[in-house]
Amino acid sequence: MKKLNRVILALSIVCLTQAQATENRAMAPGMWHNLRTGEPIADTHISQGAYIVLDNDGKGKASFQIALVPGDDVMQSLIAFQKTTGITSGKGVAVFNIGDIELDQWTKPGLGGPNHVPNSISEGREGLLVALFSGSTKGNPSSVPPPHVHAMVAGYDSLAPNQTYTGGYPATGGHLGKATVNVVLEMQVDSYPVVIEKEPRLP
């Protein structure tokens, strides 16, 4: 019996050590981490989606910088970051140049029709993006909704022959359905220790 207890204790220590190593790996301050695995990145050249821990109080309040590279799927990258770091409540603000964008824009619902329509943009756009990492679903704490993301994108400099630039570019915004990084996306994320419980029907 004593031998069995010693084995159980040894296994518990190993599991605890592995859990601590995973947490330290995913939250080590001052170094870049692979966004999907939390593994440290030794190379100073970022060639894949990555994040760096800017501040962490060890109690759920932390700040991060995310860097995405050309070709990265914006939504899938943010979902992976949320899963890797375990964020349950927070916000992110980004500057970017993205392409293949789909912005869902609100429209007055028709009889049985949708309450939004997708606006697809194939050309690269620059702009601002806000992401909310929104806690858990009420009554199901293990269910974590994906980030709720909205973006505002500007137009681009494309003049017709013999056309004179007069200033100003068209801009549009809405709920981000999908997008890929065209040139760069940099996001500052602040997470909070409070878990926001949301009704299932809310985003």
C-alpha atoms as a PDB file:
ATOM      1  CA  MET A   1       0.000   0.000   0.000  1.00  0.00           C
ATOM      2  CA  LYS A   2       2.852   2.369   0.903  1.00  0.00           C
ATOM      3  CA  LYS A   3       4.519   1.568  -2.415  1.00  0.00           C
ATOM      4  CA  LEU A   4       1.282   2.346  -4.291  1.00  0.00           C
ATOM      5  CA  ASN A   5       0.961   5.664  -2.449  1.00  0.00           C
ATOM      6  CA  ARG A   6       4.557   6.547  -3.390  1.00  0.00           C
ATOM      7  CA  VAL A   7       3.812   5.777  -7.053  1.00  0.00           C
ATOM      8  CA  ILE A   8       0.658   7.925  -6.987  1.00  0.00           C
ATOM      9  CA  LEU A   9       2.585  10.775  -5.331  1.00  0.00           C
ATOM     10  CA  ALA A  10       5.364  10.521  -7.927  1.00  0.00           C
ATOM     11  CA  LEU A  11       2.849  10.600 -10.787  1.00  0.00           C
ATOM     12  CA  SER A  12       1.119  13.610  -9.223  1.00  0.00           C
ATOM     13  CA  ILE A  13       4.424  15.488  -9.014  1.00  0.00           C
ATOM     14  CA  VAL A  14       5.197  14.670 -12.655  1.00  0.00           C
ATOM     15  CA  CYS A  15       1.740  15.858 -13.789  1.00  0.00           C
ATOM     16  CA  LEU A  16       2.048  19.049 -11.725  1.00  0.00           C
ATOM     17  CA  THR A  17       5.535  19.715 -13.092  1.00  0.00           C
ATOM     18  CA  GLN A  18       4.290  19.198 -16.655  1.00  0.00           C
ATOM     19  CA  ALA A  19       1.339  21.544 -16.061  1.00  0.00           C
ATOM     20  CA  GLN A  20       3.652  24.204 -14.621  1.00  0.00           C
ATOM     21  CA  ALA A  21       6.047  23.778 -17.538  1.00  0.00           C
ATOM     22  CA  THR A  22       3.179  24.222 -20.000  1.00  0.00           C
ATOM     23  CA  GLU A  23       2.003  27.367 -18.221  1.00  0.00           C
ATOM     24  CA  ASN A  24       5.524  28.780 -18.042  1.00  0.00           C
ATOM     25  CA  ARG A  25       6.095  27.930 -21.688  1.00  0.00           C
ATOM     26  CA  ALA A  26       2.906  29.676 -22.781  1.00  0.00           C
ATOM     27  CA  MET A  27       3.361  32.730 -20.538  1.00  0.00           C
ATOM     28  CA  ALA A  28       7.130  33.260 -20.242  1.00  0.00           C
ATOM     29  CA  PRO A  29       7.636  37.048 -20.278  1.00  0.00           C
ATOM     30  CA  GLY A  30       9.974  38.841 -22.660  1.00  0.00           C
ATOM     31  CA  MET A  31      10.139  36.239 -25.413  1.00  0.00           C
ATOM     32  CA  TRP A  32       8.144  35.291 -28.503  1.00  0.00           C
ATOM     33  CA  HIS A  33       5.985  32.153 -28.505  1.00  0.00           C
ATOM     34  CA  ASN A  34       4.416  30.129 -31.282  1.00  0.00           C
ATOM     35  CA  LEU A  35       0.804  31.284 -31.320  1.00  0.00           C
ATOM     36  CA  ARG A  36      -0.644  27.774 -31.746  1.00  0.00           C
ATOM     37  CA  THR A  37       1.609  25.744 -29.436  1.00  0.00           C
ATOM     38  CA  GLY A  38       3.010  28.207 -26.903  1.00  0.00           C
ATOM     39  CA  GLU A  39       6.523  26.947 -27.674  1.00  0.00           C
ATOM     40  CA  PRO A  40       9.250  29.621 -27.374  1.00  0.00           C
ATOM     41  CA  ILE A  41      10.654  30.977 -30.650  1.00  0.00           C
ATOM     42  CA  ALA A  42      14.426  31.249 -30.526  1.00  0.00           C
ATOM     43  CA  ASP A  43      14.790  32.894 -33.949  1.00  0.00           C
ATOM     44  CA  THR A  44      14.364  36.668 -33.793  1.00  0.00           C
ATOM     45  CA  HIS A  45      12.807  36.631 -37.282  1.00  0.00           C
ATOM     46  CA  ILE A  46       9.079  35.969 -36.899  1.00  0.00           C
ATOM     47  CA  SER A  47       8.017  33.698 -39.771  1.00  0.00           C
ATOM     48  CA  GLN A  48       4.784  32.410 -38.192  1.00  0.00           C
ATOM     49  CA  GLY A  49       1.985  33.749 -36.025  1.00  0.00           C
ATOM     50  CA  ALA A  50       3.491  34.599 -32.632  1.00  0.00           C
ATOM     51  CA  TYR A  51       2.852  36.436 -29.385  1.00  0.00           C
ATOM     52  CA  ILE A  52       5.001  37.951 -26.663  1.00  0.00           C
ATOM     53  CA  VAL A  53       4.019  38.416 -23.014  1.00  0.00           C
ATOM     54  CA  LEU A  54       4.446  42.079 -22.052  1.00  0.00           C
ATOM     55  CA  ASP A  55       3.085  41.808 -18.517  1.00  0.00           C
ATOM     56  CA  ASN A  56       1.555  39.086 -16.336  1.00  0.00           C
ATOM     57  CA  ASP A  57       0.495  39.369 -12.685  1.00  0.00           C
ATOM     58  CA  GLY A  58      -0.056  35.605 -12.399  1.00  0.00           C
ATOM     59  CA  LYS A  59      -3.683  36.179 -11.377  1.00  0.00           C
ATOM     60  CA  GLY A  60      -5.319  36.411 -14.797  1.00  0.00           C
ATOM     61  CA  LYS A  61      -4.389  39.976 -15.702  1.00  0.00           C
ATOM     62  CA  ALA A  62      -1.870  40.096 -18.531  1.00  0.00           C
ATOM     63  CA  SER A  63      -0.843  42.021 -21.641  1.00  0.00           C
ATOM     64  CA  PHE A  64       0.333  40.551 -24.940  1.00  0.00           C
ATOM     65  CA  GLN A  65       1.528  41.625 -28.355  1.00  0.00           C
ATOM     66  CA  ILE A  66       0.431  39.429 -31.293  1.00  0.00           C
ATOM     67  CA  ALA A  67       2.231  39.437 -34.630  1.00  0.00           C
ATOM     68  CA  LEU A  68       0.649  37.705 -37.631  1.00  0.00           C
ATOM     69  CA  VAL A  69       2.431  37.194 -40.939  1.00  0.00           C
ATOM     70  CA  PRO A  70       1.239  37.179 -44.584  1.00  0.00           C
ATOM     71  CA  GLY A  71      -1.187  34.337 -45.295  1.00  0.00           C
ATOM     72  CA  ASP A  72      -2.301  33.847 -41.671  1.00  0.00           C
ATOM     73  CA  ASP A  73      -6.048  33.379 -41.178  1.00  0.00           C
ATOM     74  CA  VAL A  74      -6.986  36.186 -38.784  1.00  0.00           C
ATOM     75  CA  MET A  75      -9.926  34.516 -37.008  1.00  0.00           C
ATOM     76  CA  GLN A  76      -8.292  31.086 -36.712  1.00  0.00           C
ATOM     77  CA  SER A  77      -5.124  32.724 -35.366  1.00  0.00           C
ATOM     78  CA  LEU A  78      -7.040  34.633 -32.676  1.00  0.00           C
ATOM     79  CA  ILE A  79      -8.943  31.473 -31.688  1.00  0.00           C
ATOM     80  CA  ALA A  80      -5.629  29.603 -31.412  1.00  0.00           C
ATOM     81  CA  PHE A  81      -4.118  32.403 -29.316  1.00  0.00           C
ATOM     82  CA  GLN A  82      -7.137  32.317 -26.993  1.00  0.00           C
ATOM     83  CA  LYS A  83      -6.804  28.550 -26.573  1.00  0.00           C
ATOM     84  CA  THR A  84      -3.027  28.639 -26.036  1.00  0.00           C
ATOM     85  CA  THR A  85      -3.093  31.382 -23.407  1.00  0.00           C
ATOM     86  CA  GLY A  86      -6.414  30.433 -21.801  1.00  0.00           C
ATOM     87  CA  ILE A  87      -7.863  33.944 -22.003  1.00  0.00           C
ATOM     88  CA  THR A  88     -11.459  34.009 -20.774  1.00  0.00           C
ATOM     89  CA  SER A  89     -11.963  37.767 -20.695  1.00  0.00           C
ATOM     90  CA  GLY A  90     -10.130  40.533 -22.507  1.00  0.00           C
ATOM     91  CA  LYS A  91      -9.886  42.872 -25.461  1.00  0.00           C
ATOM     92  CA  GLY A  92      -7.503  43.370 -28.349  1.00  0.00           C
ATOM     93  CA  VAL A  93      -6.855  46.291 -30.701  1.00  0.00           C
ATOM     94  CA  ALA A  94      -4.948  45.849 -33.960  1.00  0.00           C
ATOM     95  CA  VAL A  95      -3.552  47.708 -36.948  1.00  0.00           C
ATOM     96  CA  PHE A  96      -3.239  45.696 -40.131  1.00  0.00           C
ATOM     97  CA  ASN A  97      -3.095  45.249 -43.852  1.00  0.00           C
ATOM     98  CA  ILE A  98      -5.393  42.332 -44.678  1.00  0.00           C
ATOM     99  CA  GLY A  99      -6.900  40.829 -47.817  1.00  0.00           C
ATOM    100  CA  ASP A 100      -9.794  38.520 -48.784  1.00  0.00           C
ATOM    101  CA  ILE A 101     -11.949  40.225 -46.171  1.00  0.00           C
ATOM    102  CA  GLU A 102     -15.554  39.438 -45.352  1.00  0.00           C
ATOM    103  CA  LEU A 103     -17.353  42.022 -43.226  1.00  0.00           C
ATOM    104  CA  ASP A 104     -20.878  41.151 -42.142  1.00  0.00           C
ATOM    105  CA  GLN A 105     -22.940  44.322 -42.160  1.00  0.00           C
ATOM    106  CA  TRP A 106     -26.238  44.838 -40.386  1.00  0.00           C
ATOM    107  CA  THR A 107     -29.365  45.212 -42.436  1.00  0.00           C
ATOM    108  CA  LYS A 108     -32.967  45.534 -41.331  1.00  0.00           C
ATOM    109  CA  PRO A 109     -34.284  41.959 -41.226  1.00  0.00           C
ATOM    110  CA  GLY A 110     -36.865  41.044 -43.822  1.00  0.00           C
ATOM    111  CA  LEU A 111     -39.615  38.509 -43.338  1.00  0.00           C
ATOM    112  CA  GLY A 112     -37.649  35.372 -42.544  1.00  0.00           C
ATOM    113  CA  GLY A 113     -34.520  36.873 -44.072  1.00  0.00           C
ATOM    114  CA  PRO A 114     -31.043  37.359 -42.551  1.00  0.00           C
ATOM    115  CA  ASN A 115     -30.295  40.349 -40.333  1.00  0.00           C
ATOM    116  CA  HIS A 116     -26.882  40.897 -41.921  1.00  0.00           C
ATOM    117  CA  VAL A 117     -25.246  40.592 -45.318  1.00  0.00           C
ATOM    118  CA  PRO A 118     -21.600  39.756 -46.062  1.00  0.00           C
ATOM    119  CA  ASN A 119     -19.501  42.389 -47.795  1.00  0.00           C
ATOM    120  CA  SER A 120     -16.565  40.667 -49.490  1.00  0.00           C
ATOM    121  CA  ILE A 121     -13.438  42.626 -50.397  1.00  0.00           C
ATOM    122  CA  SER A 122     -10.648  40.930 -52.328  1.00  0.00           C
ATOM    123  CA  GLU A 123      -8.101  43.752 -52.423  1.00  0.00           C
ATOM    124  CA  GLY A 124      -5.734  44.469 -49.551  1.00  0.00           C
ATOM    125  CA  ARG A 125      -7.014  46.979 -47.015  1.00  0.00           C
ATOM    126  CA  GLU A 126      -5.550  48.812 -44.048  1.00  0.00           C
ATOM    127  CA  GLY A 127      -7.479  49.725 -40.948  1.00  0.00           C
ATOM    128  CA  LEU A 128      -8.271  49.056 -37.309  1.00  0.00           C
ATOM    129  CA  LEU A 129      -9.666  45.979 -35.612  1.00  0.00           C
ATOM    130  CA  VAL A 130     -11.196  45.370 -32.179  1.00  0.00           C
ATOM    131  CA  ALA A 131     -11.529  41.881 -30.678  1.00  0.00           C
ATOM    132  CA  LEU A 132     -13.389  40.899 -27.508  1.00  0.00           C
ATOM    133  CA  PHE A 133     -12.466  37.652 -25.781  1.00  0.00           C
ATOM    134  CA  SER A 134     -15.781  36.951 -24.158  1.00  0.00           C
ATOM    135  CA  GLY A 135     -15.673  34.562 -21.226  1.00  0.00           C
ATOM    136  CA  SER A 136     -17.862  31.453 -21.116  1.00  0.00           C
ATOM    137  CA  THR A 137     -21.414  30.476 -21.945  1.00  0.00           C
ATOM    138  CA  LYS A 138     -23.779  30.714 -18.962  1.00  0.00           C
ATOM    139  CA  GLY A 139     -24.422  27.292 -17.458  1.00  0.00           C
ATOM    140  CA  ASN A 140     -21.527  25.777 -19.414  1.00  0.00           C
ATOM    141  CA  PRO A 141     -18.227  27.220 -18.137  1.00  0.00           C
ATOM    142  CA  SER A 142     -16.180  24.923 -20.381  1.00  0.00           C
ATOM    143  CA  SER A 143     -17.790  26.448 -23.482  1.00  0.00           C
ATOM    144  CA  VAL A 144     -15.682  29.441 -24.541  1.00  0.00           C
ATOM    145  CA  PRO A 145     -17.082  31.527 -27.415  1.00  0.00           C
ATOM    146  CA  PRO A 146     -14.643  32.528 -30.175  1.00  0.00           C
ATOM    147  CA  PRO A 147     -13.379  36.119 -30.206  1.00  0.00           C
ATOM    148  CA  HIS A 148     -15.974  38.668 -31.312  1.00  0.00           C
ATOM    149  CA  VAL A 149     -14.202  40.823 -33.880  1.00  0.00           C
ATOM    150  CA  HIS A 150     -15.145  44.013 -35.714  1.00  0.00           C
ATOM    151  CA  ALA A 151     -13.005  45.874 -38.224  1.00  0.00           C
ATOM    152  CA  MET A 152     -12.962  49.195 -40.035  1.00  0.00           C
ATOM    153  CA  VAL A 153     -11.073  49.142 -43.328  1.00  0.00           C
ATOM    154  CA  ALA A 154     -10.024  51.991 -45.602  1.00  0.00           C
ATOM    155  CA  GLY A 155      -9.974  51.996 -49.365  1.00  0.00           C
ATOM    156  CA  TYR A 156      -6.861  51.846 -51.505  1.00  0.00           C
ATOM    157  CA  ASP A 157      -5.014  54.153 -53.892  1.00  0.00           C
ATOM    158  CA  SER A 158      -6.218  53.162 -57.346  1.00  0.00           C
ATOM    159  CA  LEU A 159      -6.701  55.964 -59.836  1.00  0.00           C
ATOM    160  CA  ALA A 160      -8.207  55.657 -63.278  1.00  0.00           C
ATOM    161  CA  PRO A 161      -6.131  56.931 -66.242  1.00  0.00           C
ATOM    162  CA  ASN A 162      -5.972  60.739 -66.275  1.00  0.00           C
ATOM    163  CA  GLN A 163      -7.762  60.876 -62.904  1.00  0.00           C
ATOM    164  CA  THR A 164      -6.456  63.399 -60.373  1.00  0.00           C
ATOM    165  CA  TYR A 165      -6.322  62.451 -56.710  1.00  0.00           C
ATOM    166  CA  THR A 166      -8.581  64.744 -54.674  1.00  0.00           C
ATOM    167  CA  GLY A 167      -8.093  63.156 -51.253  1.00  0.00           C
ATOM    168  CA  GLY A 168     -10.180  60.756 -49.243  1.00  0.00           C
ATOM    169  CA  TYR A 169     -10.722  57.031 -49.560  1.00  0.00           C
ATOM    170  CA  PRO A 170     -13.884  54.976 -49.161  1.00  0.00           C
ATOM    171  CA  ALA A 171     -14.123  53.092 -45.864  1.00  0.00           C
ATOM    172  CA  THR A 172     -16.386  50.364 -44.571  1.00  0.00           C
ATOM    173  CA  GLY A 173     -16.728  48.359 -41.384  1.00  0.00           C
ATOM    174  CA  GLY A 174     -18.606  45.524 -39.751  1.00  0.00           C
ATOM    175  CA  HIS A 175     -18.368  42.164 -37.994  1.00  0.00           C
ATOM    176  CA  LEU A 176     -15.298  40.320 -39.259  1.00  0.00           C
ATOM    177  CA  GLY A 177     -16.374  37.057 -40.850  1.00  0.00           C
ATOM    178  CA  LYS A 178     -12.990  36.144 -42.281  1.00  0.00           C
ATOM    179  CA  ALA A 179      -9.724  37.657 -43.458  1.00  0.00           C
ATOM    180  CA  THR A 180      -6.153  36.708 -44.272  1.00  0.00           C
ATOM    181  CA  VAL A 181      -3.104  38.800 -43.485  1.00  0.00           C
ATOM    182  CA  ASN A 182      -1.919  40.574 -46.613  1.00  0.00           C
ATOM    183  CA  VAL A 183       1.158  42.348 -45.208  1.00  0.00           C
ATOM    184  CA  VAL A 184       1.004  42.536 -41.409  1.00  0.00           C
ATOM    185  CA  LEU A 185      -1.282  42.433 -38.395  1.00  0.00           C
ATOM    186  CA  GLU A 186      -0.136  43.633 -34.971  1.00  0.00           C
ATOM    187  CA  MET A 187      -2.486  43.424 -31.998  1.00  0.00           C
ATOM    188  CA  GLN A 188      -2.221  44.532 -28.388  1.00  0.00           C
ATOM    189  CA  VAL A 189      -4.276  42.293 -26.062  1.00  0.00           C
ATOM    190  CA  ASP A 190      -5.190  42.918 -22.419  1.00  0.00           C
ATOM    191  CA  SER A 191      -6.764  40.054 -20.479  1.00  0.00           C
ATOM    192  CA  TYR A 192      -8.640  40.257 -17.174  1.00  0.00           C
ATOM    193  CA  PRO A 193      -9.192  37.788 -14.321  1.00  0.00           C
ATOM    194  CA  VAL A 194     -12.987  38.166 -14.395  1.00  0.00           C
ATOM    195  CA  VAL A 195     -14.837  35.524 -16.412  1.00  0.00           C
ATOM    196  CA  ILE A 196     -17.831  37.047 -18.187  1.00  0.00           C
ATOM    197  CA  GLU A 197     -20.728  34.604 -18.348  1.00  0.00           C
ATOM    198  CA  LYS A 198     -22.868  35.197 -21.421  1.00  0.00           C
ATOM    199  CA  GLU A 199     -26.260  33.954 -22.452  1.00  0.00           C
ATOM    200  CA  PRO A 200     -26.030  31.352 -25.253  1.00  0.00           C
ATOM    201  CA  ARG A 201     -27.681  33.678 -27.776  1.00  0.00           C
ATOM    202  CA  LEU A 202     -25.174  36.493 -27.236  1.00  0.00           C
ATOM    203  CA  PRO A 203     -21.928  36.757 -29.317  1.00  0.00           C
END
